[in-house]
C-alpha atoms as a PDB file:
ATOM      1  CA  MET A   1       4.117  -3.033  -9.311  1.00  0.00           C
ATOM      2  CA  VAL A   2       7.929  -4.039  -9.224  1.00  0.00           C
ATOM      3  CA  THR A   3      10.189  -1.746  -8.252  1.00  0.00           C
ATOM      4  CA  GLY A   4      14.033  -1.813  -9.078  1.00  0.00           C
ATOM      5  CA  ALA A   5      12.475  -3.507 -12.062  1.00  0.00           C
ATOM      6  CA  ALA A   6      15.176  -2.552 -14.593  1.00  0.00           C
ATOM      7  CA  SER A   7      17.434  -4.950 -14.112  1.00  0.00           C
ATOM      8  CA  GLY A   8      18.414  -8.121 -12.178  1.00  0.00           C
ATOM      9  CA  ILE A   9      15.844  -9.984  -9.578  1.00  0.00           C
ATOM     10  CA  GLY A  10      13.322  -6.882 -10.271  1.00  0.00           C
ATOM     11  CA  ARG A  11      13.482  -7.496 -14.278  1.00  0.00           C
ATOM     12  CA  ALA A  12      13.097 -11.151 -13.922  1.00  0.00           C
ATOM     13  CA  THR A  13      10.336 -10.629 -11.183  1.00  0.00           C
ATOM     14  CA  ALA A  14       8.275  -8.491 -13.528  1.00  0.00           C
ATOM     15  CA  HIS A  15       8.614 -10.758 -16.882  1.00  0.00           C
ATOM     16  CA  ALA A  16       7.233 -13.540 -14.520  1.00  0.00           C
ATOM     17  CA  PHE A  17       4.378 -11.475 -13.271  1.00  0.00           C
ATOM     18  CA  ALA A  18       3.770 -10.411 -17.166  1.00  0.00           C
ATOM     19  CA  ALA A  19       3.862 -14.606 -18.252  1.00  0.00           C
ATOM     20  CA  ALA A  20       1.062 -15.077 -15.903  1.00  0.00           C
ATOM     21  CA  GLY A  21      -0.681 -12.487 -17.332  1.00  0.00           C
ATOM     22  CA  ALA A  22      -0.495  -8.922 -15.070  1.00  0.00           C
ATOM     23  CA  HIS A  23       0.135  -5.878 -16.333  1.00  0.00           C
ATOM     24  CA  VAL A  24       3.231  -4.729 -14.876  1.00  0.00           C
ATOM     25  CA  VAL A  25       4.373  -1.064 -13.165  1.00  0.00           C
ATOM     26  CA  LEU A  26       7.764  -0.555 -13.530  1.00  0.00           C
ATOM     27  CA  VAL A  27       9.545   1.341 -10.872  1.00  0.00           C
ATOM     28  CA  ASP A  28      13.402   2.413 -11.516  1.00  0.00           C
ATOM     29  CA  ARG A  29      15.639   5.165 -11.289  1.00  0.00           C
ATOM     30  CA  ASP A  30      17.836   3.910 -14.149  1.00  0.00           C
ATOM     31  CA  ALA A  31      15.493   5.333 -17.735  1.00  0.00           C
ATOM     32  CA  PRO A  32      17.373   3.707 -20.422  1.00  0.00           C
ATOM     33  CA  ALA A  33      16.896   0.238 -18.627  1.00  0.00           C
ATOM     34  CA  LEU A  34      13.904   0.911 -17.628  1.00  0.00           C
ATOM     35  CA  ARG A  35      12.508   1.585 -21.248  1.00  0.00           C
ATOM     36  CA  ARG A  36      14.400  -1.451 -22.315  1.00  0.00           C
ATOM     37  CA  THR A  37      12.176  -3.046 -19.719  1.00  0.00           C
ATOM     38  CA  ALA A  38       9.007  -1.973 -20.423  1.00  0.00           C
ATOM     39  CA  GLU A  39       9.582  -2.459 -24.513  1.00  0.00           C
ATOM     40  CA  GLU A  40      10.261  -6.212 -23.881  1.00  0.00           C
ATOM     41  CA  LEU A  41       6.946  -6.360 -21.341  1.00  0.00           C
ATOM     42  CA  SER A  42       4.829  -4.665 -24.382  1.00  0.00           C
ATOM     43  CA  ALA A  43       5.967  -7.420 -27.005  1.00  0.00           C
ATOM     44  CA  GLY A  44       3.424  -9.505 -28.146  1.00  0.00           C
ATOM     45  CA  GLU A  45       3.655 -12.671 -25.908  1.00  0.00           C
ATOM     46  CA  PHE A  46       2.815 -10.476 -23.387  1.00  0.00           C
ATOM     47  CA  ALA A  47      -0.693  -9.380 -23.532  1.00  0.00           C
ATOM     48  CA  ALA A  48      -1.039  -7.127 -20.629  1.00  0.00           C
ATOM     49  CA  GLY A  49       1.739  -5.138 -21.140  1.00  0.00           C
ATOM     50  CA  ALA A  50       3.790  -2.488 -18.935  1.00  0.00           C
ATOM     51  CA  THR A  51       3.562   0.764 -17.241  1.00  0.00           C
ATOM     52  CA  PRO A  52       7.362   2.396 -16.569  1.00  0.00           C
ATOM     53  CA  VAL A  53       7.793   4.684 -14.339  1.00  0.00           C
ATOM     54  CA  HIS A  54      11.013   6.844 -13.719  1.00  0.00           C
ATOM     55  CA  GLY A  55      11.821   7.281  -9.978  1.00  0.00           C
ATOM     56  CA  ASP A  56      14.111   6.930  -7.068  1.00  0.00           C
ATOM     57  CA  ILE A  57      12.413   5.362  -3.760  1.00  0.00           C
ATOM     58  CA  SER A  58      14.105   7.132  -1.258  1.00  0.00           C
ATOM     59  CA  ARG A  59      12.200  10.180  -2.578  1.00  0.00           C
ATOM     60  CA  PRO A  60       8.887  10.520  -1.165  1.00  0.00           C
ATOM     61  CA  THR A  61       7.083  12.214  -3.940  1.00  0.00           C
ATOM     62  CA  ASP A  62       8.671   9.708  -6.942  1.00  0.00           C
ATOM     63  CA  CYS A  63       6.901   6.900  -4.782  1.00  0.00           C
ATOM     64  CA  LEU A  64       3.276   8.915  -4.844  1.00  0.00           C
ATOM     65  CA  ALA A  65       3.896   9.288  -8.378  1.00  0.00           C
ATOM     66  CA  ALA A  66       3.758   5.703  -9.152  1.00  0.00           C
ATOM     67  CA  ALA A  67       1.210   4.699  -6.726  1.00  0.00           C
ATOM     68  CA  GLU A  68      -0.493   7.163  -9.142  1.00  0.00           C
ATOM     69  CA  ALA A  69       0.380   6.346 -12.580  1.00  0.00           C
ATOM     70  CA  ALA A  70      -0.576   2.188 -10.878  1.00  0.00           C
ATOM     71  CA  GLY A  71      -4.244   3.339  -9.853  1.00  0.00           C
ATOM     72  CA  ALA A  72      -4.259   5.436 -13.164  1.00  0.00           C
ATOM     73  CA  VAL A  73      -3.867   1.921 -15.265  1.00  0.00           C
ATOM     74  CA  GLY A  74      -7.365   1.120 -13.935  1.00  0.00           C
ATOM     75  CA  LEU A  75      -7.006  -2.280 -12.804  1.00  0.00           C
ATOM     76  CA  PRO A  76      -6.695  -3.419  -9.211  1.00  0.00           C
ATOM     77  CA  VAL A  77      -2.950  -3.904  -7.407  1.00  0.00           C
ATOM     78  CA  ARG A  78      -2.852  -6.735  -6.163  1.00  0.00           C
ATOM     79  CA  ALA A  79       0.946  -7.278  -5.383  1.00  0.00           C
ATOM     80  CA  LEU A  80       3.999  -5.093  -5.105  1.00  0.00           C
ATOM     81  CA  VAL A  81       7.575  -5.932  -4.949  1.00  0.00           C
ATOM     82  CA  ASN A  82       9.947  -3.814  -3.425  1.00  0.00           C
ATOM     83  CA  CYS A  83      13.500  -4.601  -5.492  1.00  0.00           C
ATOM     84  CA  ALA A  84      15.092  -1.914  -5.155  1.00  0.00           C
ATOM     85  CA  ALA A  85      17.901  -1.450  -3.668  1.00  0.00           C
ATOM     86  CA  THR A  86      21.758  -0.038  -3.247  1.00  0.00           C
ATOM     87  CA  PHE A  87      24.467  -2.309  -2.764  1.00  0.00           C
ATOM     88  CA  LEU A  88      26.637  -0.285  -1.464  1.00  0.00           C
ATOM     89  CA  SER A  89      29.179  -2.053   1.298  1.00  0.00           C
ATOM     90  CA  ARG A  90      31.038  -0.408   3.923  1.00  0.00           C
ATOM     91  CA  GLY A  91      32.026  -1.207   7.508  1.00  0.00           C
ATOM     92  CA  GLU A  92      33.936   1.066  10.001  1.00  0.00           C
ATOM     93  CA  ASP A  93      34.575   3.703   7.526  1.00  0.00           C
ATOM     94  CA  ALA A  94      31.241   4.445   6.834  1.00  0.00           C
ATOM     95  CA  THR A  95      30.401   8.399   6.297  1.00  0.00           C
ATOM     96  CA  ALA A  96      27.212   9.734   7.547  1.00  0.00           C
ATOM     97  CA  GLU A  97      26.251  10.005   3.724  1.00  0.00           C
ATOM     98  CA  ASP A  98      26.923   6.145   3.164  1.00  0.00           C
ATOM     99  CA  TRP A  99      24.475   5.698   5.863  1.00  0.00           C
ATOM    100  CA  ASP A 100      22.278   8.298   4.375  1.00  0.00           C
ATOM    101  CA  VAL A 101      22.193   6.297   1.056  1.00  0.00           C
ATOM    102  CA  SER A 102      22.288   2.573   2.475  1.00  0.00           C
ATOM    103  CA  LEU A 103      18.989   3.407   5.130  1.00  0.00           C
ATOM    104  CA  GLY A 104      17.338   5.652   2.003  1.00  0.00           C
ATOM    105  CA  THR A 105      16.951   3.182   0.034  1.00  0.00           C
ATOM    106  CA  ASN A 106      16.882  -0.185   1.080  1.00  0.00           C
ATOM    107  CA  VAL A 107      14.658   0.505   4.128  1.00  0.00           C
ATOM    108  CA  LYS A 108      13.214   4.308   3.994  1.00  0.00           C
ATOM    109  CA  GLY A 109      12.330   3.401   0.312  1.00  0.00           C
ATOM    110  CA  THR A 110      10.747   0.410   0.730  1.00  0.00           C
ATOM    111  CA  ALA A 111       8.551   1.523   3.151  1.00  0.00           C
ATOM    112  CA  LEU A 112       7.504   4.631   1.421  1.00  0.00           C
ATOM    113  CA  MET A 113       6.179   2.753  -1.386  1.00  0.00           C
ATOM    114  CA  THR A 114       4.496   0.487   0.390  1.00  0.00           C
ATOM    115  CA  SER A 115       2.759   3.320   2.452  1.00  0.00           C
ATOM    116  CA  ALA A 116       2.010   4.800  -0.876  1.00  0.00           C
ATOM    117  CA  VAL A 117       0.381   1.433  -2.309  1.00  0.00           C
ATOM    118  CA  VAL A 118      -1.394   0.330   0.585  1.00  0.00           C
ATOM    119  CA  PRO A 119      -4.675   2.324  -0.431  1.00  0.00           C
ATOM    120  CA  LEU A 120      -4.812   0.831  -3.620  1.00  0.00           C
ATOM    121  CA  MET A 121      -4.252  -2.384  -1.743  1.00  0.00           C
ATOM    122  CA  ARG A 122      -7.263  -2.032   0.151  1.00  0.00           C
ATOM    123  CA  GLY A 123      -9.294  -0.248  -2.303  1.00  0.00           C
ATOM    124  CA  ALA A 124      -8.945  -3.865  -4.445  1.00  0.00           C
ATOM    125  CA  GLY A 125      -9.649  -6.084  -1.396  1.00  0.00           C
ATOM    126  CA  GLY A 126      -6.337  -7.534  -0.565  1.00  0.00           C
ATOM    127  CA  GLY A 127      -3.253  -7.893  -2.269  1.00  0.00           C
ATOM    128  CA  SER A 128       0.740  -9.322  -1.500  1.00  0.00           C
ATOM    129  CA  ILE A 129       3.587  -7.221  -0.835  1.00  0.00           C
ATOM    130  CA  VAL A 130       7.329  -9.050  -0.804  1.00  0.00           C
ATOM    131  CA  ASN A 131      10.483  -7.051   0.242  1.00  0.00           C
ATOM    132  CA  ILE A 132      13.538  -8.717  -1.649  1.00  0.00           C
ATOM    133  CA  ALA A 133      16.268  -8.884   1.529  1.00  0.00           C
ATOM    134  CA  SER A 134      19.095 -11.120   1.489  1.00  0.00           C
ATOM    135  CA  VAL A 135      21.073 -13.550   3.226  1.00  0.00           C
ATOM    136  CA  SER A 136      23.314 -10.739   4.387  1.00  0.00           C
ATOM    137  CA  GLY A 137      20.536  -9.577   6.887  1.00  0.00           C
ATOM    138  CA  HIS A 138      20.658 -13.095   8.573  1.00  0.00           C
ATOM    139  CA  ILE A 139      24.545 -13.504   8.854  1.00  0.00           C
ATOM    140  CA  ALA A 140      27.824 -11.361   9.699  1.00  0.00           C
ATOM    141  CA  GLN A 141      29.616 -10.222   6.694  1.00  0.00           C
ATOM    142  CA  PRO A 142      33.252  -8.388   6.912  1.00  0.00           C
ATOM    143  CA  VAL A 143      33.254  -4.840   5.729  1.00  0.00           C
ATOM    144  CA  GLN A 144      29.360  -4.564   5.329  1.00  0.00           C
ATOM    145  CA  TRP A 145      27.847  -2.721   8.035  1.00  0.00           C
ATOM    146  CA  THR A 146      25.395  -0.634   5.684  1.00  0.00           C
ATOM    147  CA  TYR A 147      24.422  -3.277   3.346  1.00  0.00           C
ATOM    148  CA  ASN A 148      23.771  -5.854   6.337  1.00  0.00           C
ATOM    149  CA  ALA A 149      22.496  -3.422   8.547  1.00  0.00           C
ATOM    150  CA  THR A 150      19.553  -2.402   6.165  1.00  0.00           C
ATOM    151  CA  LYS A 151      18.740  -5.958   4.941  1.00  0.00           C
ATOM    152  CA  GLY A 152      18.075  -7.089   8.586  1.00  0.00           C
ATOM    153  CA  ALA A 153      16.137  -3.728   8.927  1.00  0.00           C
ATOM    154  CA  LEU A 154      14.140  -5.490   6.382  1.00  0.00           C
ATOM    155  CA  LEU A 155      13.403  -8.447   7.739  1.00  0.00           C
ATOM    156  CA  ALA A 156      11.902  -6.738  11.123  1.00  0.00           C
ATOM    157  CA  LEU A 157       9.951  -3.921   9.224  1.00  0.00           C
ATOM    158  CA  THR A 158       8.620  -7.006   7.011  1.00  0.00           C
ATOM    159  CA  ARG A 159       7.128  -8.857  10.179  1.00  0.00           C
ATOM    160  CA  CYS A 160       5.845  -5.109  11.327  1.00  0.00           C
ATOM    161  CA  GLN A 161       3.754  -4.913   7.759  1.00  0.00           C
ATOM    162  CA  ALA A 162       2.727  -8.205   8.015  1.00  0.00           C
ATOM    163  CA  LEU A 163       0.695  -7.366  11.898  1.00  0.00           C
ATOM    164  CA  ASP A 164      -0.435  -3.731  10.705  1.00  0.00           C
ATOM    165  CA  LEU A 165      -1.740  -5.012   7.162  1.00  0.00           C
ATOM    166  CA  ALA A 166      -3.656  -8.301   7.782  1.00  0.00           C
ATOM    167  CA  GLU A 167      -6.631  -6.512   8.592  1.00  0.00           C
ATOM    168  CA  HIS A 168      -6.896  -4.922   5.156  1.00  0.00           C
ATOM    169  CA  GLY A 169      -6.251  -8.500   3.786  1.00  0.00           C
ATOM    170  CA  ILE A 170      -2.901  -8.056   2.565  1.00  0.00           C
ATOM    171  CA  ARG A 171       0.166 -10.218   2.924  1.00  0.00           C
ATOM    172  CA  VAL A 172       3.383  -9.488   3.377  1.00  0.00           C
ATOM    173  CA  ASN A 173       7.020 -11.320   3.293  1.00  0.00           C
ATOM    174  CA  SER A 174      10.212 -11.081   2.493  1.00  0.00           C
ATOM    175  CA  VAL A 175      12.719 -13.526   0.245  1.00  0.00           C
ATOM    176  CA  SER A 176      16.248 -13.771   1.152  1.00  0.00           C
ATOM    177  CA  PRO A 177      18.528 -14.631  -1.798  1.00  0.00           C
ATOM    178  CA  GLY A 178      21.828 -16.414  -2.027  1.00  0.00           C
ATOM    179  CA  LEU A 179      24.174 -15.150  -4.028  1.00  0.00           C
ATOM    180  CA  VAL A 180      22.462 -14.446  -7.770  1.00  0.00           C
ATOM    181  CA  TRP A 181      24.200 -13.522 -11.270  1.00  0.00           C
ATOM    182  CA  THR A 182      22.657 -10.054 -11.174  1.00  0.00           C
ATOM    183  CA  PRO A 183      24.351  -6.995 -12.969  1.00  0.00           C
ATOM    184  CA  GLU A 184      26.105  -6.333  -9.926  1.00  0.00           C
ATOM    185  CA  LEU A 185      27.718  -9.364  -9.051  1.00  0.00           C
ATOM    186  CA  ASP A 186      28.846  -9.337 -13.101  1.00  0.00           C
ATOM    187  CA  ARG A 187      30.657  -6.114 -12.050  1.00  0.00           C
ATOM    188  CA  MET A 188      32.277  -7.259  -9.125  1.00  0.00           C
ATOM    189  CA  THR A 189      33.405 -10.442 -11.023  1.00  0.00           C
ATOM    190  CA  GLY A 190      34.333  -8.629 -13.469  1.00  0.00           C
ATOM    191  CA  GLY A 191      31.775 -10.594 -16.019  1.00  0.00           C
ATOM    192  CA  ASP A 192      34.150 -13.693 -15.360  1.00  0.00           C
ATOM    193  CA  ARG A 193      31.108 -16.438 -14.274  1.00  0.00           C
ATOM    194  CA  ALA A 194      33.758 -19.483 -15.322  1.00  0.00           C
ATOM    195  CA  ALA A 195      35.901 -18.322 -12.979  1.00  0.00           C
ATOM    196  CA  TRP A 196      34.246 -17.081 -10.308  1.00  0.00           C
ATOM    197  CA  GLY A 197      31.275 -18.982 -10.713  1.00  0.00           C
ATOM    198  CA  PRO A 198      33.163 -22.255  -8.754  1.00  0.00           C
ATOM    199  CA  VAL A 199      34.217 -19.975  -5.890  1.00  0.00           C
ATOM    200  CA  LEU A 200      31.316 -18.531  -4.933  1.00  0.00           C
ATOM    201  CA  GLY A 201      29.183 -21.454  -5.775  1.00  0.00           C
ATOM    202  CA  ASP A 202      31.280 -22.850  -2.935  1.00  0.00           C
ATOM    203  CA  HIS A 203      29.389 -20.789  -0.482  1.00  0.00           C
ATOM    204  CA  HIS A 204      26.169 -22.714  -1.263  1.00  0.00           C
ATOM    205  CA  ILE A 205      24.997 -26.682  -0.985  1.00  0.00           C
ATOM    206  CA  LEU A 206      23.619 -26.532  -4.322  1.00  0.00           C
ATOM    207  CA  ARG A 207      27.348 -25.294  -4.911  1.00  0.00           C
ATOM    208  CA  ARG A 208      26.537 -23.105  -7.737  1.00  0.00           C
ATOM    209  CA  VAL A 209      24.846 -18.990  -7.394  1.00  0.00           C
ATOM    210  CA  GLY A 210      21.549 -18.779  -8.335  1.00  0.00           C
ATOM    211  CA  GLU A 211      19.839 -17.226 -11.110  1.00  0.00           C
ATOM    212  CA  PRO A 212      17.403 -14.265 -11.330  1.00  0.00           C
ATOM    213  CA  GLU A 213      14.276 -16.223 -12.625  1.00  0.00           C
ATOM    214  CA  GLU A 214      14.461 -18.857  -9.557  1.00  0.00           C
ATOM    215  CA  ILE A 215      13.975 -15.681  -7.367  1.00  0.00           C
ATOM    216  CA  ALA A 216      11.345 -14.539  -9.134  1.00  0.00           C
ATOM    217  CA  ALA A 217       9.660 -17.592  -9.154  1.00  0.00           C
ATOM    218  CA  ALA A 218       9.796 -17.960  -5.270  1.00  0.00           C
ATOM    219  CA  VAL A 219       8.440 -14.136  -5.584  1.00  0.00           C
ATOM    220  CA  LEU A 220       5.580 -15.383  -7.989  1.00  0.00           C
ATOM    221  CA  PHE A 221       4.690 -18.355  -5.371  1.00  0.00           C
ATOM    222  CA  LEU A 222       3.957 -15.902  -2.438  1.00  0.00           C
ATOM    223  CA  CYS A 223       2.012 -13.586  -4.047  1.00  0.00           C
ATOM    224  CA  GLY A 224      -0.112 -16.254  -5.442  1.00  0.00           C
ATOM    225  CA  PRO A 225      -3.077 -18.703  -4.522  1.00  0.00           C
ATOM    226  CA  GLY A 226      -0.621 -21.186  -3.053  1.00  0.00           C
ATOM    227  CA  ALA A 227       0.606 -18.997  -0.350  1.00  0.00           C
ATOM    228  CA  THR A 228      -2.671 -17.430   1.181  1.00  0.00           C
ATOM    229  CA  PHE A 229      -1.817 -18.520   4.602  1.00  0.00           C
ATOM    230  CA  VAL A 230       1.586 -16.950   4.321  1.00  0.00           C
ATOM    231  CA  THR A 231       2.691 -13.744   5.692  1.00  0.00           C
ATOM    232  CA  GLY A 232       5.207 -12.108   8.240  1.00  0.00           C
ATOM    233  CA  THR A 233       7.362 -14.589   7.108  1.00  0.00           C
ATOM    234  CA  ASP A 234      11.077 -14.975   5.158  1.00  0.00           C
ATOM    235  CA  LEU A 235      11.560 -17.527   2.398  1.00  0.00           C
ATOM    236  CA  PRO A 236      15.332 -17.987   1.822  1.00  0.00           C
ATOM    237  CA  VAL A 237      15.826 -18.604  -1.786  1.00  0.00           C
ATOM    238  CA  ASP A 238      19.782 -18.897  -1.221  1.00  0.00           C
ATOM    239  CA  GLY A 239      21.077 -22.545  -2.635  1.00  0.00           C
ATOM    240  CA  GLY A 240      21.410 -23.611   0.789  1.00  0.00           C
ATOM    241  CA  TYR A 241      23.753 -20.690   1.593  1.00  0.00           C
ATOM    242  CA  LEU A 242      22.370 -20.283   5.416  1.00  0.00           C
ATOM    243  CA  ALA A 243      21.807 -23.905   6.211  1.00  0.00           C
ATOM    244  CA  MET A 244      25.334 -24.880   5.579  1.00  0.00           C
ATOM    245  CA  GLY A 245      27.616 -23.156   7.946  1.00  0.00           C
ATOM    246  CA  HIS A 246      31.279 -22.998   7.705  1.00  0.00           C
ATOM    247  CA  ILE A 247      32.083 -26.968   6.993  1.00  0.00           C
ATOM    248  CA  ARG A 248      31.267 -28.620   3.547  1.00  0.00           C
ATOM    249  CA  SER A 249      30.378 -32.267   2.955  1.00  0.00           C
ATOM    250  CA  GLU A 250      32.333 -34.348   0.707  1.00  0.00           C
ATOM    251  CA  PRO A 251      32.283 -37.649  -0.274  1.00  0.00           C
ATOM    252  CA  GLY A 252      34.990 -39.738   2.401  1.00  0.00           C
ATOM    253  CA  VAL A 253      35.691 -37.103   3.965  1.00  0.00           C
ATOM    254  CA  LEU A 254      34.264 -36.201   8.009  1.00  0.00           C
ATOM    255  CA  PRO A 255      35.155 -33.307  10.064  1.00  0.00           C
ATOM    256  CA  GLY A 256      38.367 -33.836  11.692  1.00  0.00           C
ATOM    257  CA  ARG A 257      39.692 -36.099   9.094  1.00  0.00           C
ATOM    258  CA  ARG A 258      41.752 -36.724   5.976  1.00  0.00           C
ATOM    259  CA  LYS A 259      40.437 -38.817   2.885  1.00  0.00           C
ATOM    260  CA  SER A 260      42.448 -42.264   3.362  1.00  0.00           C
ATOM    261  CA  ALA A 261      44.759 -42.776   0.366  1.00  0.00           C
ATOM    262  CA  THR A 262      44.183 -44.781  -2.238  1.00  0.00           C
END
């Protein structure tokens, strides 16, 4: 199961699971995009197919309906990836409604979906849950009280879920992406990758922005046989964003020194 599966990291994750042979239950509130993703995964190259579920994870009834749809597929539910999120970013001007929207989707929605799916995983003998957090949950950023607070909460939620669900054979981890070329980033940059790629890439050691498929690969690892002793942890897939700090390394330049003239 993948929430937020209609676009961005969710869509790439759904494709990765389908390519690995899984039937994927797609959950999203964007009905047209959800339908397109489901059609992609029902194409000939993906034999297992997909089940689209239109819903908003901030609503308990929608989470239960998604779990019911997954159970109706008739296959054991082995993985849940909580990708659905709102990118609403406000600072001191955040209204009560802004907080309700941010917390309702990013934190409450993730928790509700997990609670709805856990009985299916327990019945399957265990599985893996991955929550998509963010580098924003680890650091301070300007005018992002709402977004960063929810992503920080996801890191704590992941650890608590891992502790409580281990006895059922369920591992829970999170992934913290750096800046990734998703539809949201395209919107923010006006779709101008040529202009904004170098600017945004400079925040990462690898000097580029990530691709959704790179995050999906990490998610697939955490859900696979190579990560059976990994739980309660966060995996930064951020091109070195968190590791770099504020000082760049450039050939011939040391902190406090200027490059010699030639």
